[in-house]
Protein backbone atom coordinates (compact mmCIF):
# COMPACT_ATOMS: atom_id res chain seq x y z
CA MET A 1 -39.52 110.72 20.99
CA ARG A 2 -43.23 111.59 20.95
CA PRO A 3 -44.45 113.92 23.73
CA ILE A 4 -47.67 113.02 25.51
CA SER A 5 -49.78 116.16 25.81
CA LYS A 6 -52.29 114.86 28.35
CA GLY A 7 -51.60 114.12 32.00
CA LEU A 8 -51.32 116.06 35.21
CA ASN A 9 -48.55 114.68 37.37
CA SER A 10 -45.33 114.14 35.42
CA ALA A 11 -42.77 116.77 34.43
CA VAL A 12 -41.92 114.62 31.42
CA ALA A 13 -44.14 112.06 29.67
CA VAL A 14 -43.12 110.73 26.27
CA VAL A 15 -43.18 107.66 24.07
CA LEU A 16 -39.71 106.55 23.01
CA ASP A 17 -39.54 104.72 19.69
CA THR A 18 -36.55 102.42 20.12
CA ASP A 19 -34.94 99.63 18.12
CA ASN A 20 -36.69 97.20 20.47
CA GLY A 21 -40.10 98.83 20.18
CA PRO A 22 -41.89 101.74 21.87
CA VAL A 23 -41.59 102.50 25.59
CA PHE A 24 -43.68 104.93 27.63
CA LEU A 25 -41.43 107.08 29.81
CA LYS A 26 -42.49 109.34 32.68
CA GLY A 27 -40.42 111.16 35.26
CA LEU A 28 -39.78 113.91 37.74
CA PRO A 29 -36.62 115.69 38.94
CA VAL A 30 -35.22 113.96 42.02
CA ASP A 31 -35.81 117.09 44.11
CA HIS A 32 -39.45 117.42 43.04
CA PRO A 33 -41.88 117.44 46.01
CA ARG A 34 -43.98 114.69 44.38
CA ARG A 35 -41.04 112.46 43.46
CA TRP A 36 -42.34 109.89 45.98
CA THR A 37 -45.11 109.05 43.50
CA GLN A 38 -42.41 107.41 41.37
CA ASP A 39 -41.58 105.14 44.32
CA MET A 40 -45.24 104.20 44.67
CA GLU A 41 -45.65 103.29 41.02
CA ALA A 42 -42.48 101.22 41.05
CA VAL A 43 -43.25 99.31 44.23
CA ILE A 44 -46.85 98.43 43.34
CA ASN A 45 -46.29 97.45 39.70
CA PRO A 46 -45.48 93.74 40.31
CA TYR A 47 -48.88 93.35 41.97
CA VAL A 48 -50.95 95.09 39.29
CA ARG A 49 -49.13 94.44 36.03
CA HIS A 50 -51.97 92.13 34.92
CA LEU A 51 -54.23 95.20 35.03
CA GLY A 52 -51.97 97.66 33.22
CA PRO A 53 -48.54 98.24 31.67
CA ARG A 54 -45.49 96.47 33.08
CA LEU A 55 -42.64 98.53 34.50
CA LEU A 56 -39.58 97.68 32.38
CA TRP A 57 -36.87 99.77 34.02
CA ARG A 58 -36.08 102.70 36.26
CA VAL A 59 -33.26 105.26 36.12
CA ARG A 60 -32.44 107.62 39.00
CA ASP A 61 -29.89 110.39 38.66
CA GLU A 62 -30.83 114.06 38.36
CA TRP A 63 -34.19 112.74 37.22
CA ASP A 64 -36.23 109.77 38.41
CA ILE A 65 -37.46 108.04 35.25
CA LEU A 66 -39.80 105.06 34.87
CA GLY A 67 -39.97 103.14 31.61
CA PHE A 68 -43.22 101.24 31.03
CA GLU A 69 -44.42 98.80 28.43
CA TYR A 70 -46.17 100.86 25.75
CA ILE A 71 -49.77 99.87 25.12
CA LYS A 72 -51.61 101.48 22.23
CA GLY A 73 -55.10 102.51 23.21
CA ARG A 74 -57.34 105.43 24.03
CA HIS A 75 -58.55 107.05 27.21
CA ALA A 76 -61.87 105.92 28.63
CA ASP A 77 -65.10 107.75 27.93
CA PRO A 78 -66.68 108.50 31.35
CA THR A 79 -69.89 110.13 30.10
CA PRO A 80 -73.41 108.74 30.62
CA GLY A 81 -74.20 105.78 28.36
CA SER A 82 -70.53 105.08 27.58
CA ALA A 83 -69.81 101.50 26.51
CA ASP A 84 -66.45 101.80 28.30
CA LEU A 85 -67.94 101.91 31.79
CA PRO A 86 -68.84 98.19 32.13
CA LYS A 87 -65.22 97.35 31.27
CA VAL A 88 -63.96 99.89 33.81
CA VAL A 89 -66.21 98.32 36.43
CA GLU A 90 -64.89 94.86 35.53
CA THR A 91 -61.34 96.09 36.08
CA ILE A 92 -62.31 97.58 39.44
CA SER A 93 -63.70 94.18 40.40
CA HIS A 94 -60.30 92.65 39.65
CA VAL A 95 -58.54 95.31 41.71
CA GLY A 96 -60.91 94.46 44.55
CA GLU A 97 -59.71 90.85 44.49
CA ILE A 98 -56.14 91.87 45.36
CA PRO A 99 -55.29 91.67 49.08
CA CYS A 100 -53.22 94.72 49.86
CA PRO A 101 -49.54 93.72 49.84
CA SER A 102 -47.34 94.41 52.83
CA LEU A 103 -45.82 97.60 51.46
CA PRO A 104 -45.46 101.15 52.80
CA LEU A 105 -48.65 102.34 51.11
CA LYS A 106 -50.93 105.13 52.20
CA GLU A 107 -53.81 104.18 54.48
CA ALA A 108 -57.33 105.36 53.67
CA THR A 109 -57.72 106.47 57.28
CA SER A 110 -54.67 108.70 56.88
CA ARG A 111 -55.54 110.10 53.45
CA TRP A 112 -58.95 111.37 54.52
CA ARG A 113 -58.26 112.02 58.22
CA ASN A 114 -58.28 115.80 57.87
CA TYR A 115 -61.78 115.73 56.37
CA VAL A 116 -63.53 113.46 58.91
CA ASP A 117 -64.36 114.81 62.37
CA ASP A 118 -65.18 111.62 64.25
CA SER A 119 -62.57 108.86 64.74
CA LEU A 120 -65.33 106.23 64.74
CA ASP A 121 -66.49 107.48 61.34
CA LEU A 122 -62.92 107.49 60.07
CA ALA A 123 -62.55 103.83 61.08
CA LEU A 124 -65.25 102.95 58.53
CA LEU A 125 -62.69 103.65 55.79
CA ASP A 126 -60.27 101.06 57.16
CA GLY A 127 -59.74 97.77 55.35
CA ASP A 128 -57.28 95.36 53.77
CA ARG A 129 -57.96 95.93 50.05
CA LEU A 130 -55.63 97.50 47.52
CA LEU A 131 -57.14 100.68 46.06
CA HIS A 132 -56.23 102.75 43.00
CA THR A 133 -58.46 105.73 43.97
CA ASP A 134 -57.77 107.96 40.93
CA TYR A 135 -60.24 107.12 38.17
CA ASN A 136 -59.52 110.17 36.08
CA PRO A 137 -60.22 108.94 32.51
CA LEU A 138 -56.63 109.83 31.63
CA ASN A 139 -55.63 106.99 33.98
CA ILE A 140 -57.84 104.43 32.22
CA LEU A 141 -56.57 103.04 28.93
CA MET A 142 -59.01 101.19 26.71
CA ALA A 143 -56.95 98.55 24.93
CA GLU A 144 -56.96 94.84 24.20
CA GLY A 145 -60.73 94.78 24.72
CA ARG A 146 -60.54 95.85 28.35
CA ALA A 147 -59.86 98.79 30.64
CA LEU A 148 -56.27 99.03 31.86
CA LEU A 149 -55.18 101.20 34.78
CA VAL A 150 -52.16 103.47 34.62
CA ASP A 151 -50.70 106.03 37.04
CA TRP A 152 -50.65 104.08 40.31
CA ALA A 153 -49.23 107.10 42.12
CA TRP A 154 -51.66 106.80 45.04
CA PRO A 155 -51.97 103.08 45.87
CA THR A 156 -53.88 102.91 49.13
CA ARG A 157 -54.94 100.33 51.70
CA GLY A 158 -58.55 100.57 52.83
CA ALA A 159 -62.14 99.38 52.56
CA GLY A 160 -62.91 97.72 49.23
CA TRP A 161 -65.90 99.96 48.47
CA ILE A 162 -63.70 103.07 48.30
CA ASP A 163 -62.58 102.40 44.72
CA PRO A 164 -66.16 102.09 43.40
CA ALA A 165 -66.99 105.26 45.34
CA CYS A 166 -64.07 107.06 43.69
CA LEU A 167 -65.42 106.05 40.28
CA VAL A 168 -68.90 107.28 41.25
CA LEU A 169 -67.53 110.69 42.13
CA ARG A 170 -65.36 110.92 39.03
CA ILE A 171 -68.10 110.04 36.52
CA MET A 172 -70.48 112.44 38.23
CA SER A 173 -68.06 115.18 37.23
CA TYR A 174 -68.68 114.09 33.61
CA GLY A 175 -72.45 114.38 33.69
CA HIS A 176 -73.86 111.43 35.64
CA THR A 177 -76.36 112.11 38.38
CA ALA A 178 -75.59 110.47 41.73
CA GLU A 179 -78.26 107.85 41.09
CA GLN A 180 -76.90 107.09 37.61
CA ALA A 181 -73.32 106.89 38.85
CA GLU A 182 -74.15 104.54 41.70
CA ALA A 183 -76.09 102.34 39.26
CA VAL A 184 -72.87 101.90 37.26
CA VAL A 185 -71.13 100.22 40.23
CA ALA A 186 -74.24 98.62 41.75
CA ASP A 187 -73.26 95.03 40.87
CA LEU A 188 -69.81 95.18 42.44
CA SER A 189 -69.68 93.00 45.55
CA ALA A 190 -67.56 95.55 47.39
CA TRP A 191 -70.18 98.21 46.74
CA ARG A 192 -73.03 95.97 47.87
CA GLN A 193 -71.17 95.32 51.13
CA ALA A 194 -70.53 99.00 51.84
CA ASP A 195 -71.84 100.44 55.09
CA PRO A 196 -74.24 103.28 54.15
CA ARG A 197 -72.75 105.34 56.96
CA GLY A 198 -69.29 104.76 55.51
CA LEU A 199 -70.45 106.03 52.12
CA GLN A 200 -71.94 109.09 53.77
CA VAL A 201 -68.72 109.79 55.64
CA PHE A 202 -66.64 109.33 52.49
CA ALA A 203 -68.95 111.58 50.48
CA GLU A 204 -68.68 114.33 53.09
CA ALA A 205 -64.89 113.97 53.27
CA ASN A 206 -64.64 114.36 49.50
CA ALA A 207 -66.99 117.34 49.50
CA ARG A 208 -64.65 119.03 51.97
CA PHE A 209 -61.49 118.02 50.13
CA TRP A 210 -62.64 119.10 46.67
CA ALA A 211 -64.08 122.38 47.95
CA GLY A 212 -60.61 123.24 49.20
CA ALA A 213 -58.94 121.98 46.02
CA ALA A 214 -61.22 124.09 43.82
CA ALA A 215 -60.61 127.16 45.99
CA ASP A 216 -56.85 126.68 45.60
CA ASN A 217 -57.03 125.87 41.89
CA PRO A 218 -60.21 127.20 40.21
CA ALA A 219 -59.51 125.36 36.95
CA ASP A 220 -62.30 123.50 35.18
CA TRP A 221 -61.65 119.97 36.43
CA PRO A 222 -61.31 120.65 40.20
CA VAL A 223 -64.35 122.92 40.06
CA ARG A 224 -66.33 120.13 38.38
CA MET A 225 -65.08 117.64 40.97
CA ALA A 226 -66.11 119.97 43.79
CA ALA A 227 -69.61 120.33 42.35
CA ALA A 228 -69.89 116.57 41.89
CA ALA A 229 -68.69 115.88 45.43
CA GLN A 230 -71.19 118.33 46.88
CA SER A 231 -73.99 116.79 44.86
CA TRP A 232 -73.04 113.25 45.87
CA HIS A 233 -72.83 114.22 49.54
CA ALA A 234 -76.33 115.71 49.38
CA TYR A 235 -77.61 112.54 47.74
CA ARG A 236 -75.96 110.28 50.32
CA LEU A 237 -77.50 112.22 53.18
CA ASN A 238 -80.91 111.13 51.91
CA GLN A 239 -80.07 107.42 51.60
CA ASP A 240 -80.58 104.75 54.26
């Protein structure tokens, strides 16, 4: 067993070296308040296994444990000029081609409802695309010459441009300006089709969300996300 030191959401995350090869194992106690994220990863895996590791097995007793195909790679570099970003964008384009399956997934309109005042604005987030939404570089594995997505704990149904917007916000927290970050996703069809008002609404919702998250947890990464979200919102207010 080799512990994995990085990661934010699992109580246990290890690589098991077995007689049949390595397996990545992650899990939570069955009474953990976020145990539902295990359900989400398990239910969505058949639809996204071409974009990341396959789920091999699941064990539920005192712990809820998922065993994934182990893929050797490294986490993506999200900084300006990174050669990883075009591959990440290519993967996002493939995610955008997946019609959202008929599963009990979260809706974008529900996830961001508390941060949008107007119901008509909130409706701009609605859509029928499958979204990953969490482009933390720890969730992007560079392997096999491409970017693979792991940690599908928050699969969401919504407008296709939301995933590119989530990447914009995330890479801004690693040093991109808003203009640079939006240039990274500029060629994605979902981004080109985005309603500018929808982007403005989403930027404001994230500025509100991350301000609260940073106030509750003033660690480095939520504080950086809050600053990035505020900066992106200010930029979006000045766009057509």
